[in-house]
Amino acid sequence: MMKTKEPPKTRRDIARELARRYSTMTHEELDELEAILVPMKFAKGKKILSEGEVCRNIYYLDKGLIRQFYYKNGKEVTEHLGEDHSIFMCIESLFREEPTRLQVETLEPSIVYAIPKDELERVALHHVNIQMLYRKILEESLIISQVHADLVRFESAQSRYLKMCKLAPQVILRAPLVYIANYLQMTPETLSRVRAATLNI
């Protein structure tokens, strides 16, 4: 039986998804949120944000896979791996309005919706549920950062990998191993050993 292709989502669909996830909304609030969403499409391997740019948007990744990384001593350090239906941003650049040291690239063809911060703050002034959405998005972003920091700070290599399997199974399946290893702050060889060991548990 042939699989029927899903129709492309509209901005209204995305506004509803965000409302379901973060805050209930009236029709008027959905209208306001829908109006500020900016749909974007990226092929695999494209930059959504480059070092030196100012991050002016919160991004909702509807479909695809992204990597957030920076350079330290000439080497890439993966800070975040995002999958379908997740939020990402460069939070320091967003709020300080200064150039970011982070970069965001696609690891798969991706459909992204930008939520311009200035526009979001403008509509949040008049709509309590949009204020709630804004706050919950920021809370979620901070928690994700803290979880990653604690993971690499306190957990063994095996525990790091097992926790990531639980928290982000799709990322484990879809992201190149070199980036997963980098994100978990271990060498690809260590990750291979850890993966082999977990299969025998």
Protein backbone atom coordinates (compact mmCIF):
# COMPACT_ATOMS: atom_id res chain seq x y z
CA MET A 1 0.00 0.00 0.00
CA MET A 2 1.43 3.36 -1.03
CA LYS A 3 2.01 5.89 1.68
CA THR A 4 0.08 9.10 0.99
CA LYS A 5 2.19 12.22 1.12
CA GLU A 6 1.25 14.61 3.89
CA PRO A 7 0.18 18.06 2.65
CA PRO A 8 2.69 20.81 3.52
CA LYS A 9 1.98 22.53 6.81
CA THR A 10 0.71 26.08 6.90
CA ARG A 11 1.82 28.82 9.29
CA ARG A 12 -1.51 28.28 11.06
CA ASP A 13 -0.61 24.60 11.64
CA ILE A 14 2.71 25.65 13.18
CA ALA A 15 1.04 28.31 15.37
CA ARG A 16 -1.35 25.60 16.63
CA GLU A 17 1.55 23.21 17.31
CA LEU A 18 3.35 25.85 19.34
CA ALA A 19 0.16 26.72 21.24
CA ARG A 20 -0.50 23.04 22.05
CA ARG A 21 3.01 22.62 23.34
CA TYR A 22 3.52 25.81 25.31
CA SER A 23 0.29 27.67 26.02
CA THR A 24 -3.40 27.55 25.17
CA MET A 25 -4.46 30.41 22.90
CA THR A 26 -7.53 32.26 21.70
CA HIS A 27 -8.21 32.58 17.96
CA GLU A 28 -6.97 36.17 18.10
CA GLU A 29 -3.70 35.08 19.74
CA LEU A 30 -3.24 32.33 17.14
CA ASP A 31 -3.77 34.97 14.42
CA GLU A 32 -1.05 37.16 15.98
CA LEU A 33 1.41 34.29 16.34
CA GLU A 34 0.73 33.00 12.82
CA ALA A 35 1.33 36.48 11.37
CA ILE A 36 4.89 36.74 12.72
CA LEU A 37 6.12 33.24 11.72
CA VAL A 38 8.67 33.22 8.89
CA PRO A 39 8.88 29.88 7.00
CA MET A 40 12.37 28.87 5.79
CA LYS A 41 13.67 25.85 3.87
CA PHE A 42 17.25 24.62 3.94
CA ALA A 43 19.05 21.88 2.03
CA LYS A 44 21.38 19.55 3.93
CA GLY A 45 24.68 21.17 4.95
CA LYS A 46 23.42 24.77 4.86
CA LYS A 47 24.10 27.42 7.49
CA ILE A 48 21.07 28.82 9.29
CA LEU A 49 23.30 31.09 11.36
CA SER A 50 27.00 31.88 10.94
CA GLU A 51 29.62 33.06 13.40
CA GLY A 52 29.64 36.88 13.57
CA GLU A 53 25.92 37.26 12.82
CA VAL A 54 23.46 38.57 15.39
CA CYS A 55 20.77 36.02 16.24
CA ARG A 56 17.45 37.87 15.95
CA ASN A 57 15.08 34.89 15.96
CA ILE A 58 13.90 31.98 18.01
CA TYR A 59 13.72 29.04 15.57
CA TYR A 60 11.20 26.21 15.50
CA LEU A 61 12.52 23.19 13.58
CA ASP A 62 9.40 21.62 12.10
CA LYS A 63 11.23 18.87 10.20
CA GLY A 64 14.91 18.02 9.91
CA LEU A 65 18.08 17.87 11.97
CA ILE A 66 20.39 20.71 13.00
CA ARG A 67 23.71 21.09 14.76
CA GLN A 68 24.80 24.08 16.84
CA PHE A 69 28.57 24.35 17.23
CA TYR A 70 31.51 26.69 17.81
CA TYR A 71 35.27 26.64 17.34
CA LYS A 72 37.64 26.25 20.28
CA ASN A 73 41.39 26.14 19.65
CA GLY A 74 40.67 25.50 15.97
CA LYS A 75 38.41 22.51 16.67
CA GLU A 76 34.64 22.25 16.32
CA VAL A 77 32.65 21.73 19.52
CA THR A 78 29.04 20.56 19.11
CA GLU A 79 26.82 22.27 21.65
CA HIS A 80 23.38 21.13 20.55
CA LEU A 81 21.72 18.66 18.19
CA GLY A 82 18.09 19.45 17.36
CA GLU A 83 15.45 17.27 15.72
CA ASP A 84 11.87 17.60 14.41
CA HIS A 85 9.55 19.80 16.49
CA SER A 86 12.28 21.42 18.59
CA ILE A 87 13.30 24.97 19.38
CA PHE A 88 16.79 26.41 18.99
CA MET A 89 18.43 29.82 19.27
CA CYS A 90 21.71 31.49 20.21
CA ILE A 91 20.39 32.88 23.46
CA GLU A 92 23.25 35.21 24.41
CA SER A 93 23.35 36.83 20.97
CA LEU A 94 19.53 37.05 20.92
CA PHE A 95 19.29 39.04 24.16
CA ARG A 96 22.51 41.06 24.02
CA GLU A 97 22.07 41.78 20.29
CA GLU A 98 25.75 41.02 19.78
CA PRO A 99 27.46 38.82 17.16
CA THR A 100 27.36 35.13 18.04
CA ARG A 101 30.31 32.76 18.21
CA LEU A 102 27.94 29.87 17.53
CA GLN A 103 26.99 28.48 14.14
CA VAL A 104 23.91 26.48 13.18
CA GLU A 105 23.95 24.10 10.22
CA THR A 106 21.50 21.55 8.84
CA LEU A 107 22.40 17.85 8.93
CA GLU A 108 19.32 16.97 6.84
CA PRO A 109 17.03 18.99 4.55
CA SER A 110 15.11 21.09 7.08
CA ILE A 111 11.95 23.16 7.36
CA VAL A 112 12.36 25.91 9.93
CA TYR A 113 10.05 28.67 11.17
CA ALA A 114 11.75 31.80 12.47
CA ILE A 115 10.00 33.70 15.26
CA PRO A 116 11.53 37.20 15.25
CA LYS A 117 12.24 38.23 18.86
CA ASP A 118 11.17 41.86 18.37
CA GLU A 119 7.86 40.80 16.82
CA LEU A 120 7.26 38.18 19.50
CA GLU A 121 7.85 40.74 22.25
CA ARG A 122 5.54 43.21 20.51
CA VAL A 123 2.60 40.79 20.38
CA ALA A 124 3.39 39.38 23.85
CA LEU A 125 2.78 42.86 25.33
CA HIS A 126 -0.92 42.55 24.51
CA HIS A 127 -1.53 38.80 24.85
CA VAL A 128 -0.95 36.94 28.09
CA ASN A 129 -0.86 33.49 26.45
CA ILE A 130 1.83 34.60 24.00
CA GLN A 131 3.81 35.91 27.00
CA MET A 132 3.43 32.45 28.53
CA LEU A 133 4.62 30.78 25.31
CA TYR A 134 7.67 33.07 25.20
CA ARG A 135 8.55 32.31 28.82
CA LYS A 136 8.11 28.56 28.43
CA ILE A 137 10.27 28.47 25.30
CA LEU A 138 13.06 30.27 27.18
CA GLU A 139 12.66 27.97 30.19
CA GLU A 140 12.89 24.91 27.96
CA SER A 141 16.01 26.26 26.24
CA LEU A 142 17.75 26.91 29.57
CA ILE A 143 16.82 23.44 30.89
CA ILE A 144 18.19 21.76 27.74
CA SER A 145 21.49 23.67 28.18
CA GLN A 146 21.66 22.70 31.86
CA VAL A 147 20.92 19.02 31.14
CA HIS A 148 23.78 18.93 28.61
CA ALA A 149 26.16 20.74 30.99
CA ASP A 150 25.34 18.29 33.81
CA LEU A 151 25.65 15.33 31.47
CA VAL A 152 29.23 16.10 30.46
CA ARG A 153 30.18 17.35 33.93
CA PHE A 154 28.93 14.51 36.11
CA GLU A 155 28.18 11.39 34.05
CA SER A 156 30.44 8.57 32.84
CA ALA A 157 30.80 8.05 29.07
CA GLN A 158 28.36 5.11 29.13
CA SER A 159 25.83 6.98 31.25
CA ARG A 160 26.05 10.02 28.92
CA TYR A 161 25.27 7.86 25.91
CA LEU A 162 22.41 5.97 27.59
CA LYS A 163 20.80 9.22 28.78
CA MET A 164 21.02 10.68 25.29
CA CYS A 165 19.40 7.50 23.87
CA LYS A 166 16.49 8.12 26.25
CA LEU A 167 16.25 11.90 25.76
CA ALA A 168 16.87 12.10 22.00
CA PRO A 169 16.48 8.68 20.33
CA GLN A 170 15.90 10.19 16.88
CA VAL A 171 19.12 12.21 17.09
CA ILE A 172 21.02 9.02 18.00
CA LEU A 173 19.53 7.27 14.94
CA ARG A 174 19.98 10.12 12.45
CA ALA A 175 23.01 12.25 13.39
CA PRO A 176 26.52 11.26 12.23
CA LEU A 177 28.39 9.46 15.02
CA VAL A 178 31.23 11.99 14.91
CA TYR A 179 28.81 14.76 15.99
CA ILE A 180 27.15 12.63 18.66
CA ALA A 181 30.60 11.83 20.10
CA ASN A 182 31.56 15.50 19.96
CA TYR A 183 28.32 16.55 21.68
CA LEU A 184 28.91 13.98 24.43
CA GLN A 185 32.54 15.15 24.72
CA MET A 186 34.16 11.84 23.89
CA THR A 187 36.18 10.53 20.94
CA PRO A 188 34.41 8.56 18.18
CA GLU A 189 36.46 5.51 19.32
CA THR A 190 35.14 5.84 22.89
CA LEU A 191 31.59 6.21 21.56
CA SER A 192 32.01 3.04 19.46
CA ARG A 193 33.20 1.13 22.54
CA VAL A 194 30.32 2.50 24.65
CA ARG A 195 27.76 1.58 21.98
CA ALA A 196 29.17 -1.95 21.71
CA ALA A 197 29.08 -2.34 25.51
CA THR A 198 25.46 -1.13 25.77
CA LEU A 199 24.35 -3.75 23.23
CA ASN A 200 25.61 -6.41 25.63
CA ILE A 201 23.80 -5.02 28.70
